[in-house]
Amino acid sequence: MLEFGIETPKSYRAFYNHIQTLLDQQQQPVILLLIHETCAELRAFERQLRQLDSLFRDANQRSPAAEILQSLPGVGPIIASAFSASIDKGQAFNSAKELGVWLGLTPRQYASADKSVLSHITKRGDRYLRKQLIHGARTVVTHVHKKDDDLNRWVSALRERVGVNKTIVATAHRLARLMWILLQKNEPYRPQYTQSGAAQCIKV
């Protein structure tokens, strides 16, 4: 469509609305054909996504680990399915910290004599799992103002101190550690509401 001088927005909803507007405005048969083919392809993708979501949800209902993981904020069917398939109950890790290290979500440490400096995250381990968890954490950070439990207060305070991007990565690390803890306890996530919520979240 760019060959005909037609530019479309990148975001899904804006793209879809723009396509509908073009259908009402365009008169050229070639461009109308392209638009109709684009709409048909878009609807086909939407059907596939709905089918895949349904399959993921069905599979997660048969997996106790996935059910537990999906109770966490920012963890949907796809993330829960991927993590339950990869780590099961987290029995390969001795602690929540080990899971965070395995995912590459811990800072790289540089030490010399008595000086120690923490740098960027190591990005070791499974790139797909880390990316998905960061996407989930981004959702938590984006909607942090909608809830007032301990975790969201901790996220909100951290964002004020270090900015959005670092908060997203730190939240992904927090979610990974919560995953391991909940899998070991074999219980779903329940939001906590305490006076010292931020301090307690840091200690999890």
N, C-alpha and C. Protein backbone atom coordinates (compact mmCIF):
# COMPACT_ATOMS: atom_id res chain seq x y z
N MET A 1 0.82 -1.21 0.00
CA MET A 1 0.00 0.00 0.00
C MET A 1 0.85 1.26 0.00
N LEU A 2 2.07 1.14 0.54
CA LEU A 2 2.97 2.29 0.51
C LEU A 2 3.34 2.68 -0.92
N GLU A 3 3.32 1.71 -1.82
CA GLU A 3 3.63 2.01 -3.22
C GLU A 3 2.59 2.94 -3.84
N PHE A 4 1.41 2.97 -3.24
CA PHE A 4 0.34 3.87 -3.72
C PHE A 4 0.25 5.12 -2.86
N GLY A 5 1.24 5.33 -2.00
CA GLY A 5 1.27 6.53 -1.17
C GLY A 5 0.36 6.47 0.03
N ILE A 6 -0.04 5.24 0.44
CA ILE A 6 -0.95 5.10 1.58
C ILE A 6 -0.15 4.61 2.79
N GLU A 7 -0.07 5.45 3.82
CA GLU A 7 0.61 5.09 5.05
C GLU A 7 -0.43 4.75 6.11
N THR A 8 -0.12 3.76 6.94
CA THR A 8 -1.05 3.35 8.00
C THR A 8 -0.34 3.40 9.35
N PRO A 9 -1.08 3.69 10.42
CA PRO A 9 -0.47 3.68 11.77
C PRO A 9 0.01 2.28 12.14
N LYS A 10 0.92 2.20 13.08
CA LYS A 10 1.49 0.92 13.48
C LYS A 10 0.68 0.21 14.56
N SER A 11 0.08 0.96 15.46
CA SER A 11 -0.66 0.31 16.54
C SER A 11 -1.89 -0.39 15.97
N TYR A 12 -2.26 -1.50 16.59
CA TYR A 12 -3.32 -2.35 16.04
C TYR A 12 -4.64 -1.61 15.88
N ARG A 13 -5.12 -1.00 16.96
CA ARG A 13 -6.43 -0.36 16.91
C ARG A 13 -6.45 0.80 15.93
N ALA A 14 -5.39 1.62 15.93
CA ALA A 14 -5.33 2.75 15.00
C ALA A 14 -5.25 2.26 13.55
N PHE A 15 -4.51 1.17 13.33
CA PHE A 15 -4.40 0.59 12.00
C PHE A 15 -5.77 0.10 11.51
N TYR A 16 -6.46 -0.61 12.38
CA TYR A 16 -7.76 -1.16 12.02
C TYR A 16 -8.75 -0.04 11.70
N ASN A 17 -8.78 1.01 12.51
CA ASN A 17 -9.69 2.13 12.26
C ASN A 17 -9.35 2.85 10.97
N HIS A 18 -8.03 2.98 10.70
CA HIS A 18 -7.60 3.66 9.47
C HIS A 18 -8.02 2.88 8.23
N ILE A 19 -7.92 1.55 8.32
CA ILE A 19 -8.33 0.70 7.20
C ILE A 19 -9.81 0.89 6.90
N GLN A 20 -10.63 0.95 7.95
CA GLN A 20 -12.06 1.14 7.76
C GLN A 20 -12.35 2.50 7.12
N THR A 21 -11.58 3.52 7.51
CA THR A 21 -11.76 4.85 6.91
C THR A 21 -11.40 4.83 5.44
N LEU A 22 -10.32 4.13 5.10
CA LEU A 22 -9.89 4.03 3.70
C LEU A 22 -10.95 3.34 2.84
N LEU A 23 -11.62 2.34 3.39
CA LEU A 23 -12.66 1.64 2.65
C LEU A 23 -13.81 2.59 2.28
N ASP A 24 -14.08 3.54 3.16
CA ASP A 24 -15.16 4.50 2.90
C ASP A 24 -14.75 5.58 1.92
N GLN A 25 -13.42 5.87 1.86
CA GLN A 25 -12.95 7.00 1.07
C GLN A 25 -12.42 6.61 -0.31
N GLN A 26 -11.83 5.43 -0.43
CA GLN A 26 -11.15 5.06 -1.66
C GLN A 26 -12.11 4.71 -2.78
N GLN A 27 -11.70 5.07 -4.02
CA GLN A 27 -12.49 4.76 -5.20
C GLN A 27 -11.73 3.87 -6.18
N GLN A 28 -10.40 3.86 -6.09
CA GLN A 28 -9.60 3.11 -7.06
C GLN A 28 -9.76 1.60 -6.80
N PRO A 29 -10.12 0.83 -7.82
CA PRO A 29 -10.35 -0.61 -7.65
C PRO A 29 -9.14 -1.36 -7.12
N VAL A 30 -7.94 -1.01 -7.58
CA VAL A 30 -6.73 -1.73 -7.16
C VAL A 30 -6.50 -1.54 -5.66
N ILE A 31 -6.63 -0.30 -5.20
CA ILE A 31 -6.41 -0.02 -3.78
C ILE A 31 -7.51 -0.65 -2.93
N LEU A 32 -8.74 -0.62 -3.40
CA LEU A 32 -9.82 -1.27 -2.66
C LEU A 32 -9.59 -2.77 -2.53
N LEU A 33 -9.06 -3.39 -3.61
CA LEU A 33 -8.74 -4.81 -3.56
C LEU A 33 -7.67 -5.09 -2.52
N LEU A 34 -6.64 -4.25 -2.49
CA LEU A 34 -5.57 -4.41 -1.50
C LEU A 34 -6.11 -4.28 -0.08
N ILE A 35 -6.98 -3.30 0.12
CA ILE A 35 -7.53 -3.07 1.46
C ILE A 35 -8.39 -4.26 1.89
N HIS A 36 -9.22 -4.75 0.97
CA HIS A 36 -10.06 -5.90 1.31
C HIS A 36 -9.22 -7.14 1.63
N GLU A 37 -8.14 -7.33 0.88
CA GLU A 37 -7.25 -8.47 1.15
C GLU A 37 -6.57 -8.31 2.50
N THR A 38 -6.19 -7.06 2.82
CA THR A 38 -5.56 -6.79 4.12
C THR A 38 -6.54 -7.07 5.26
N CYS A 39 -7.80 -6.65 5.08
CA CYS A 39 -8.82 -6.90 6.11
C CYS A 39 -9.06 -8.40 6.29
N ALA A 40 -9.09 -9.13 5.19
CA ALA A 40 -9.31 -10.58 5.27
C ALA A 40 -8.15 -11.25 5.99
N GLU A 41 -6.93 -10.80 5.70
CA GLU A 41 -5.75 -11.36 6.38
C GLU A 41 -5.76 -11.04 7.86
N LEU A 42 -6.17 -9.82 8.19
CA LEU A 42 -6.24 -9.40 9.59
C LEU A 42 -7.26 -10.24 10.36
N ARG A 43 -8.42 -10.46 9.76
CA ARG A 43 -9.44 -11.28 10.42
C ARG A 43 -8.97 -12.72 10.60
N ALA A 44 -8.21 -13.23 9.62
CA ALA A 44 -7.68 -14.59 9.74
C ALA A 44 -6.69 -14.68 10.90
N PHE A 45 -5.84 -13.66 11.05
CA PHE A 45 -4.90 -13.64 12.18
C PHE A 45 -5.64 -13.57 13.51
N GLU A 46 -6.71 -12.77 13.54
CA GLU A 46 -7.49 -12.65 14.78
C GLU A 46 -8.11 -13.99 15.16
N ARG A 47 -8.63 -14.73 14.18
CA ARG A 47 -9.19 -16.06 14.46
C ARG A 47 -8.12 -17.01 14.99
N GLN A 48 -6.94 -16.97 14.37
CA GLN A 48 -5.85 -17.84 14.82
C GLN A 48 -5.43 -17.51 16.25
N LEU A 49 -5.36 -16.22 16.55
CA LEU A 49 -4.97 -15.81 17.91
C LEU A 49 -5.98 -16.26 18.94
N ARG A 50 -7.27 -16.13 18.60
CA ARG A 50 -8.31 -16.58 19.53
C ARG A 50 -8.23 -18.10 19.74
N GLN A 51 -7.97 -18.84 18.67
CA GLN A 51 -7.85 -20.29 18.79
C GLN A 51 -6.65 -20.67 19.65
N LEU A 52 -5.52 -19.98 19.42
CA LEU A 52 -4.32 -20.27 20.19
C LEU A 52 -4.52 -19.93 21.67
N ASP A 53 -5.15 -18.78 21.94
CA ASP A 53 -5.43 -18.40 23.33
C ASP A 53 -6.29 -19.46 24.02
N SER A 54 -7.29 -19.97 23.28
CA SER A 54 -8.16 -20.99 23.84
C SER A 54 -7.38 -22.27 24.13
N LEU A 55 -6.48 -22.66 23.22
CA LEU A 55 -5.66 -23.86 23.43
C LEU A 55 -4.72 -23.69 24.62
N PHE A 56 -4.12 -22.50 24.74
CA PHE A 56 -3.23 -22.23 25.86
C PHE A 56 -3.99 -22.31 27.18
N ARG A 57 -5.19 -21.73 27.21
CA ARG A 57 -5.98 -21.74 28.44
C ARG A 57 -6.39 -23.17 28.82
N ASP A 58 -6.77 -23.96 27.82
CA ASP A 58 -7.14 -25.35 28.08
C ASP A 58 -5.96 -26.14 28.63
N ALA A 59 -4.79 -25.93 28.02
CA ALA A 59 -3.59 -26.64 28.47
C ALA A 59 -3.19 -26.21 29.88
N ASN A 60 -3.33 -24.91 30.17
CA ASN A 60 -2.96 -24.40 31.50
C ASN A 60 -3.89 -24.94 32.59
N GLN A 61 -5.16 -25.18 32.23
CA GLN A 61 -6.09 -25.71 33.22
C GLN A 61 -5.72 -27.14 33.63
N ARG A 62 -4.99 -27.84 32.77
CA ARG A 62 -4.56 -29.20 33.09
C ARG A 62 -3.19 -29.23 33.76
N SER A 63 -2.59 -28.05 33.93
CA SER A 63 -1.26 -27.97 34.54
C SER A 63 -1.34 -27.18 35.85
N PRO A 64 -1.15 -27.83 36.99
CA PRO A 64 -1.17 -27.10 38.28
C PRO A 64 -0.16 -25.97 38.33
N ALA A 65 1.04 -26.20 37.77
CA ALA A 65 2.07 -25.16 37.78
C ALA A 65 1.63 -23.94 36.98
N ALA A 66 1.04 -24.17 35.81
CA ALA A 66 0.58 -23.05 34.97
C ALA A 66 -0.53 -22.28 35.66
N GLU A 67 -1.41 -22.98 36.35
CA GLU A 67 -2.51 -22.31 37.07
C GLU A 67 -1.95 -21.39 38.15
N ILE A 68 -0.93 -21.85 38.85
CA ILE A 68 -0.31 -21.03 39.89
C ILE A 68 0.36 -19.81 39.28
N LEU A 69 1.12 -20.02 38.21
CA LEU A 69 1.84 -18.92 37.57
C LEU A 69 0.89 -17.88 37.02
N GLN A 70 -0.24 -18.33 36.49
CA GLN A 70 -1.18 -17.40 35.89
C GLN A 70 -1.89 -16.53 36.91
N SER A 71 -1.78 -16.88 38.17
CA SER A 71 -2.37 -16.05 39.21
C SER A 71 -1.55 -14.78 39.48
N LEU A 72 -0.31 -14.76 39.00
CA LEU A 72 0.56 -13.60 39.20
C LEU A 72 0.15 -12.44 38.29
N PRO A 73 0.29 -11.20 38.76
CA PRO A 73 0.01 -10.06 37.89
C PRO A 73 1.01 -10.02 36.74
N GLY A 74 0.52 -9.72 35.55
CA GLY A 74 1.40 -9.64 34.38
C GLY A 74 1.70 -10.97 33.72
N VAL A 75 1.20 -12.07 34.30
CA VAL A 75 1.46 -13.39 33.73
C VAL A 75 0.17 -13.94 33.14
N GLY A 76 0.10 -13.97 31.81
CA GLY A 76 -1.07 -14.47 31.11
C GLY A 76 -0.88 -15.91 30.68
N PRO A 77 -1.81 -16.41 29.85
CA PRO A 77 -1.76 -17.81 29.42
C PRO A 77 -0.47 -18.20 28.71
N ILE A 78 0.05 -17.32 27.85
CA ILE A 78 1.24 -17.67 27.08
C ILE A 78 2.47 -17.75 27.99
N ILE A 79 2.64 -16.76 28.86
CA ILE A 79 3.79 -16.77 29.76
C ILE A 79 3.71 -17.95 30.72
N ALA A 80 2.51 -18.20 31.26
CA ALA A 80 2.34 -19.31 32.20
C ALA A 80 2.63 -20.64 31.52
N SER A 81 2.16 -20.79 30.30
CA SER A 81 2.39 -22.03 29.56
C SER A 81 3.88 -22.24 29.29
N ALA A 82 4.56 -21.17 28.87
CA ALA A 82 5.99 -21.28 28.54
C ALA A 82 6.82 -21.62 29.77
N PHE A 83 6.53 -20.95 30.89
CA PHE A 83 7.32 -21.20 32.10
C PHE A 83 7.02 -22.56 32.72
N SER A 84 5.75 -22.98 32.72
CA SER A 84 5.42 -24.28 33.30
C SER A 84 6.06 -25.40 32.48
N ALA A 85 6.13 -25.21 31.16
CA ALA A 85 6.76 -26.21 30.31
C ALA A 85 8.28 -26.25 30.50
N SER A 86 8.86 -25.11 30.86
CA SER A 86 10.31 -25.01 30.98
C SER A 86 10.84 -25.37 32.37
N ILE A 87 10.14 -24.90 33.40
CA ILE A 87 10.68 -25.08 34.76
C ILE A 87 9.80 -25.97 35.63
N ASP A 88 8.61 -26.33 35.14
CA ASP A 88 7.68 -27.16 35.90
C ASP A 88 7.43 -26.55 37.27
N LYS A 89 7.83 -27.24 38.35
CA LYS A 89 7.64 -26.72 39.71
C LYS A 89 8.87 -25.97 40.23
N GLY A 90 9.82 -25.72 39.35
CA GLY A 90 11.03 -25.01 39.76
C GLY A 90 11.98 -25.84 40.57
N GLN A 91 11.84 -27.19 40.46
CA GLN A 91 12.65 -28.08 41.30
C GLN A 91 14.13 -28.09 40.91
N ALA A 92 14.46 -27.56 39.73
CA ALA A 92 15.86 -27.53 39.31
C ALA A 92 16.64 -26.41 39.99
N PHE A 93 15.94 -25.53 40.71
CA PHE A 93 16.58 -24.38 41.34
C PHE A 93 16.48 -24.50 42.85
N ASN A 94 17.54 -24.14 43.52
CA ASN A 94 17.58 -24.23 44.99
C ASN A 94 16.97 -23.02 45.68
N SER A 95 16.81 -21.94 44.94
CA SER A 95 16.26 -20.72 45.54
C SER A 95 15.64 -19.85 44.46
N ALA A 96 14.85 -18.87 44.90
CA ALA A 96 14.26 -17.92 43.96
C ALA A 96 15.34 -17.12 43.24
N LYS A 97 16.43 -16.85 43.94
CA LYS A 97 17.53 -16.10 43.34
C LYS A 97 18.14 -16.85 42.17
N GLU A 98 18.25 -18.19 42.29
CA GLU A 98 18.83 -18.99 41.22
C GLU A 98 18.01 -18.90 39.94
N LEU A 99 16.68 -18.85 40.09
CA LEU A 99 15.83 -18.72 38.91
C LEU A 99 16.06 -17.38 38.23
N GLY A 100 16.19 -16.30 39.01
CA GLY A 100 16.46 -14.99 38.45
C GLY A 100 17.79 -14.95 37.71
N VAL A 101 18.80 -15.61 38.29
CA VAL A 101 20.12 -15.69 37.65
C VAL A 101 20.04 -16.47 36.36
N TRP A 102 19.32 -17.60 36.39
CA TRP A 102 19.18 -18.45 35.21
C TRP A 102 18.49 -17.71 34.06
N LEU A 103 17.56 -16.81 34.39
CA LEU A 103 16.86 -16.04 33.36
C LEU A 103 17.68 -14.85 32.87
N GLY A 104 18.81 -14.57 33.50
CA GLY A 104 19.63 -13.44 33.10
C GLY A 104 19.08 -12.10 33.53
N LEU A 105 18.29 -12.10 34.62
CA LEU A 105 17.67 -10.86 35.10
C LEU A 105 18.40 -10.22 36.27
N THR A 106 19.55 -10.78 36.63
CA THR A 106 20.33 -10.20 37.72
C THR A 106 21.45 -9.32 37.16
N PRO A 107 21.87 -8.28 37.88
CA PRO A 107 22.92 -7.40 37.38
C PRO A 107 24.26 -8.11 37.28
N ARG A 108 25.03 -7.76 36.26
CA ARG A 108 26.39 -8.26 36.15
C ARG A 108 27.27 -7.52 37.16
N GLN A 109 28.09 -8.27 37.87
CA GLN A 109 28.91 -7.67 38.93
C GLN A 109 30.37 -7.61 38.51
N TYR A 110 30.96 -6.45 38.72
CA TYR A 110 32.39 -6.25 38.47
C TYR A 110 33.04 -5.94 39.81
N ALA A 111 34.00 -6.77 40.20
CA ALA A 111 34.65 -6.58 41.50
C ALA A 111 36.17 -6.53 41.33
N SER A 112 36.76 -5.62 42.05
CA SER A 112 38.21 -5.49 42.08
C SER A 112 38.61 -5.02 43.47
N ALA A 113 39.41 -5.84 44.13
CA ALA A 113 39.82 -5.55 45.51
C ALA A 113 38.57 -5.36 46.37
N ASP A 114 38.44 -4.18 47.00
CA ASP A 114 37.29 -3.95 47.87
C ASP A 114 36.18 -3.17 47.16
N LYS A 115 36.31 -3.01 45.82
CA LYS A 115 35.33 -2.25 45.07
C LYS A 115 34.45 -3.20 44.26
N SER A 116 33.14 -3.03 44.36
CA SER A 116 32.19 -3.86 43.63
C SER A 116 31.17 -2.97 42.93
N VAL A 117 30.98 -3.21 41.63
CA VAL A 117 30.07 -2.39 40.84
C VAL A 117 29.05 -3.29 40.14
N LEU A 118 27.76 -2.94 40.24
CA LEU A 118 26.70 -3.67 39.55
C LEU A 118 26.38 -2.96 38.24
N SER A 119 26.37 -3.74 37.15
CA SER A 119 26.14 -3.17 35.82
C SER A 119 24.78 -3.61 35.30
N HIS A 120 24.65 -3.75 33.98
CA HIS A 120 23.41 -4.17 33.36
C HIS A 120 23.13 -5.65 33.67
N ILE A 121 21.90 -6.09 33.38
CA ILE A 121 21.57 -7.50 33.60
C ILE A 121 22.41 -8.37 32.67
N THR A 122 22.63 -9.61 33.06
CA THR A 122 23.54 -10.48 32.31
C THR A 122 22.95 -10.97 30.99
N LYS A 123 21.62 -11.08 30.90
CA LYS A 123 20.93 -11.59 29.71
C LYS A 123 21.35 -13.01 29.36
N ARG A 124 21.71 -13.78 30.37
CA ARG A 124 22.00 -15.18 30.14
C ARG A 124 20.71 -15.99 30.14
N GLY A 125 20.81 -17.27 29.89
CA GLY A 125 19.64 -18.14 29.99
C GLY A 125 18.72 -18.04 28.79
N ASP A 126 17.48 -18.40 28.99
CA ASP A 126 16.49 -18.49 27.92
C ASP A 126 16.00 -17.10 27.52
N ARG A 127 16.37 -16.69 26.32
CA ARG A 127 16.02 -15.34 25.85
C ARG A 127 14.51 -15.16 25.70
N TYR A 128 13.83 -16.20 25.23
CA TYR A 128 12.38 -16.10 25.01
C TYR A 128 11.64 -15.91 26.33
N LEU A 129 11.99 -16.73 27.34
CA LEU A 129 11.33 -16.61 28.64
C LEU A 129 11.58 -15.25 29.26
N ARG A 130 12.82 -14.78 29.16
CA ARG A 130 13.15 -13.47 29.73
C ARG A 130 12.35 -12.37 29.04
N LYS A 131 12.28 -12.43 27.71
CA LYS A 131 11.55 -11.41 26.96
C LYS A 131 10.07 -11.41 27.34
N GLN A 132 9.48 -12.60 27.44
CA GLN A 132 8.06 -12.68 27.78
C GLN A 132 7.79 -12.13 29.18
N LEU A 133 8.68 -12.44 30.11
CA LEU A 133 8.49 -11.97 31.48
C LEU A 133 8.64 -10.45 31.56
N ILE A 134 9.52 -9.90 30.77
CA ILE A 134 9.69 -8.44 30.74
C ILE A 134 8.45 -7.79 30.14
N HIS A 135 7.86 -8.42 29.13
CA HIS A 135 6.60 -7.89 28.58
C HIS A 135 5.50 -7.90 29.65
N GLY A 136 5.45 -8.99 30.41
CA GLY A 136 4.47 -9.06 31.50
C GLY A 136 4.72 -8.01 32.56
N ALA A 137 5.99 -7.79 32.88
CA ALA A 137 6.35 -6.77 33.87
C ALA A 137 5.99 -5.38 33.37
N ARG A 138 6.13 -5.17 32.06
CA ARG A 138 5.76 -3.86 31.50
C ARG A 138 4.27 -3.58 31.72
N THR A 139 3.45 -4.60 31.61
CA THR A 139 2.02 -4.44 31.86
C THR A 139 1.77 -4.05 33.32
N VAL A 140 2.49 -4.70 34.23
CA VAL A 140 2.34 -4.38 35.66
C VAL A 140 2.71 -2.92 35.92
N VAL A 141 3.83 -2.48 35.36
CA VAL A 141 4.30 -1.11 35.58
C VAL A 141 3.34 -0.10 34.96
N THR A 142 2.81 -0.43 33.78
CA THR A 142 1.90 0.49 33.10
C THR A 142 0.61 0.70 33.90
N HIS A 143 0.12 -0.36 34.55
CA HIS A 143 -1.15 -0.28 35.27
C HIS A 143 -0.96 -0.20 36.78
N VAL A 144 0.22 0.21 37.21
CA VAL A 144 0.53 0.21 38.64
C VAL A 144 -0.39 1.12 39.44
N HIS A 145 -0.90 2.17 38.81
CA HIS A 145 -1.76 3.13 39.52
C HIS A 145 -3.15 2.60 39.82
N LYS A 146 -3.50 1.45 39.26
CA LYS A 146 -4.85 0.92 39.42
C LYS A 146 -5.03 0.08 40.69
N LYS A 147 -3.90 -0.30 41.31
CA LYS A 147 -3.99 -1.15 42.51
C LYS A 147 -3.11 -0.57 43.60
N ASP A 148 -3.41 -0.96 44.84
CA ASP A 148 -2.68 -0.40 45.98
C ASP A 148 -2.17 -1.49 46.92
N ASP A 149 -1.83 -2.64 46.37
CA ASP A 149 -1.27 -3.71 47.21
C ASP A 149 0.23 -3.49 47.37
N ASP A 150 0.88 -4.34 48.15
CA ASP A 150 2.30 -4.17 48.46
C ASP A 150 3.18 -4.17 47.21
N LEU A 151 2.91 -5.11 46.29
CA LEU A 151 3.74 -5.21 45.09
C LEU A 151 3.63 -3.95 44.25
N ASN A 152 2.43 -3.45 44.05
CA ASN A 152 2.25 -2.27 43.22
C ASN A 152 2.80 -1.02 43.89
N ARG A 153 2.75 -0.95 45.22
CA ARG A 153 3.36 0.19 45.91
C ARG A 153 4.88 0.15 45.75
N TRP A 154 5.44 -1.05 45.81
CA TRP A 154 6.88 -1.19 45.61
C TRP A 154 7.27 -0.77 44.19
N VAL A 155 6.49 -1.21 43.19
CA VAL A 155 6.75 -0.85 41.80
C VAL A 155 6.65 0.65 41.61
N SER A 156 5.62 1.25 42.18
CA SER A 156 5.41 2.70 42.04
C SER A 156 6.56 3.49 42.65
N ALA A 157 7.00 3.09 43.85
CA ALA A 157 8.11 3.78 44.52
C ALA A 157 9.40 3.62 43.72
N LEU A 158 9.62 2.43 43.16
CA LEU A 158 10.83 2.19 42.39
C LEU A 158 10.84 3.00 41.10
N ARG A 159 9.69 3.11 40.46
CA ARG A 159 9.61 3.89 39.23
C ARG A 159 9.93 5.36 39.47
N GLU A 160 9.48 5.88 40.60
CA GLU A 160 9.79 7.27 40.94
C GLU A 160 11.29 7.47 41.15
N ARG A 161 11.96 6.42 41.63
CA ARG A 161 13.37 6.54 41.98
C ARG A 161 14.32 6.28 40.81
N VAL A 162 14.01 5.27 39.96
CA VAL A 162 14.98 4.86 38.93
C VAL A 162 14.45 4.95 37.50
N GLY A 163 13.18 5.30 37.32
CA GLY A 163 12.64 5.42 35.98
C GLY A 163 11.91 4.16 35.53
N VAL A 164 11.26 4.26 34.38
CA VAL A 164 10.37 3.19 33.91
C VAL A 164 11.13 1.94 33.48
N ASN A 165 12.15 2.09 32.64
CA ASN A 165 12.82 0.93 32.06
C ASN A 165 13.49 0.04 33.11
N LYS A 166 14.20 0.65 34.03
CA LYS A 166 14.83 -0.13 35.10
C LYS A 166 13.79 -0.78 35.99
N THR A 167 12.68 -0.08 36.19
CA THR A 167 11.61 -0.65 37.01
C THR A 167 11.00 -1.88 36.34
N ILE A 168 10.85 -1.84 35.03
CA ILE A 168 10.30 -2.99 34.30
C ILE A 168 11.18 -4.22 34.49
N VAL A 169 12.48 -4.05 34.35
CA VAL A 169 13.39 -5.18 34.51
C VAL A 169 13.39 -5.68 35.95
N ALA A 170 13.40 -4.74 36.90
CA ALA A 170 13.36 -5.13 38.32
C ALA A 170 12.07 -5.86 38.65
N THR A 171 10.96 -5.43 38.05
CA THR A 171 9.67 -6.09 38.28
C THR A 171 9.67 -7.49 37.68
N ALA A 172 10.29 -7.64 36.51
CA ALA A 172 10.40 -8.97 35.90
C ALA A 172 11.19 -9.91 36.81
N HIS A 173 12.26 -9.38 37.40
CA HIS A 173 13.05 -10.17 38.35
C HIS A 173 12.22 -10.53 39.57
N ARG A 174 11.43 -9.58 40.06
CA ARG A 174 10.57 -9.84 41.21
C ARG A 174 9.54 -10.92 40.89
N LEU A 175 8.95 -10.84 39.69
CA LEU A 175 7.96 -11.84 39.28
C LEU A 175 8.59 -13.24 39.17
N ALA A 176 9.82 -13.30 38.67
CA ALA A 176 10.50 -14.59 38.56
C ALA A 176 10.71 -15.21 39.93
N ARG A 177 11.11 -14.38 40.89
CA ARG A 177 11.33 -14.90 42.25
C ARG A 177 10.01 -15.32 42.90
N LEU A 178 8.96 -14.55 42.64
CA LEU A 178 7.64 -14.92 43.17
C LEU A 178 7.17 -16.23 42.54
N MET A 179 7.48 -16.43 41.27
CA MET A 179 7.12 -17.69 40.61
C MET A 179 7.68 -18.88 41.39
N TRP A 180 8.96 -18.81 41.67
CA TRP A 180 9.61 -19.94 42.35
C TRP A 180 9.01 -20.16 43.74
N ILE A 181 8.79 -19.07 44.47
CA ILE A 181 8.24 -19.16 45.82
C ILE A 181 6.85 -19.80 45.80
N LEU A 182 5.99 -19.35 44.89
CA LEU A 182 4.64 -19.87 44.82
C LEU A 182 4.60 -21.32 44.38
N LEU A 183 5.50 -21.68 43.44
CA LEU A 183 5.56 -23.06 42.99
C LEU A 183 6.03 -23.99 44.10
N GLN A 184 6.95 -23.51 44.93
CA GLN A 184 7.42 -24.33 46.05
C GLN A 184 6.33 -24.48 47.11
N LYS A 185 5.56 -23.42 47.32
CA LYS A 185 4.46 -23.48 48.30
C LYS A 185 3.22 -24.15 47.73
N ASN A 186 3.18 -24.28 46.39
CA ASN A 186 2.04 -24.87 45.69
C ASN A 186 0.74 -24.13 46.00
N GLU A 187 0.82 -22.81 45.90
CA GLU A 187 -0.36 -21.99 46.14
C GLU A 187 -0.36 -20.79 45.22
N PRO A 188 -1.54 -20.25 44.87
CA PRO A 188 -1.61 -19.11 43.95
C PRO A 188 -1.19 -17.81 44.63
N TYR A 189 -0.95 -16.82 43.81
CA TYR A 189 -0.56 -15.51 44.31
C TYR A 189 -1.76 -14.80 44.92
N ARG A 190 -1.54 -14.21 46.07
CA ARG A 190 -2.57 -13.40 46.72
C ARG A 190 -1.95 -12.05 47.08
N PRO A 191 -2.52 -10.97 46.60
CA PRO A 191 -1.99 -9.64 46.91
C PRO A 191 -1.94 -9.41 48.42
N GLN A 192 -0.87 -8.77 48.86
CA GLN A 192 -0.70 -8.46 50.28
C GLN A 192 -0.93 -6.97 50.50
N TYR A 193 -1.57 -6.65 51.60
CA TYR A 193 -1.83 -5.26 51.95
C TYR A 193 -1.34 -5.01 53.37
N THR A 194 -0.15 -4.43 53.49
CA THR A 194 0.41 -4.13 54.81
C THR A 194 0.92 -2.70 54.83
N GLN A 195 1.20 -2.21 56.04
CA GLN A 195 1.71 -0.85 56.19
C GLN A 195 3.11 -0.71 55.64
N SER A 196 3.89 -1.78 55.76
CA SER A 196 5.30 -1.73 55.28
C SER A 196 5.43 -2.55 54.01
N GLY A 197 4.48 -2.40 53.09
CA GLY A 197 4.44 -3.22 51.88
C GLY A 197 5.69 -3.12 51.03
N ALA A 198 6.17 -1.90 50.81
CA ALA A 198 7.34 -1.74 49.94
C ALA A 198 8.54 -2.46 50.50
N ALA A 199 8.75 -2.33 51.81
CA ALA A 199 9.91 -2.98 52.43
C ALA A 199 9.79 -4.50 52.35
N GLN A 200 8.58 -5.02 52.53
CA GLN A 200 8.40 -6.46 52.50
C GLN A 200 8.61 -7.00 51.09
N CYS A 201 8.17 -6.28 50.06
CA CYS A 201 8.36 -6.75 48.70
C CYS A 201 9.84 -6.86 48.35
N ILE A 202 10.63 -5.92 48.86
CA ILE A 202 12.06 -5.94 48.59
C ILE A 202 12.70 -7.19 49.19
N LYS A 203 12.15 -7.68 50.29
CA LYS A 203 12.74 -8.83 50.96
C LYS A 203 12.31 -10.17 50.35
N VAL A 204 11.28 -10.18 49.46
CA VAL A 204 10.77 -11.44 48.93
C VAL A 204 11.85 -12.18 48.16
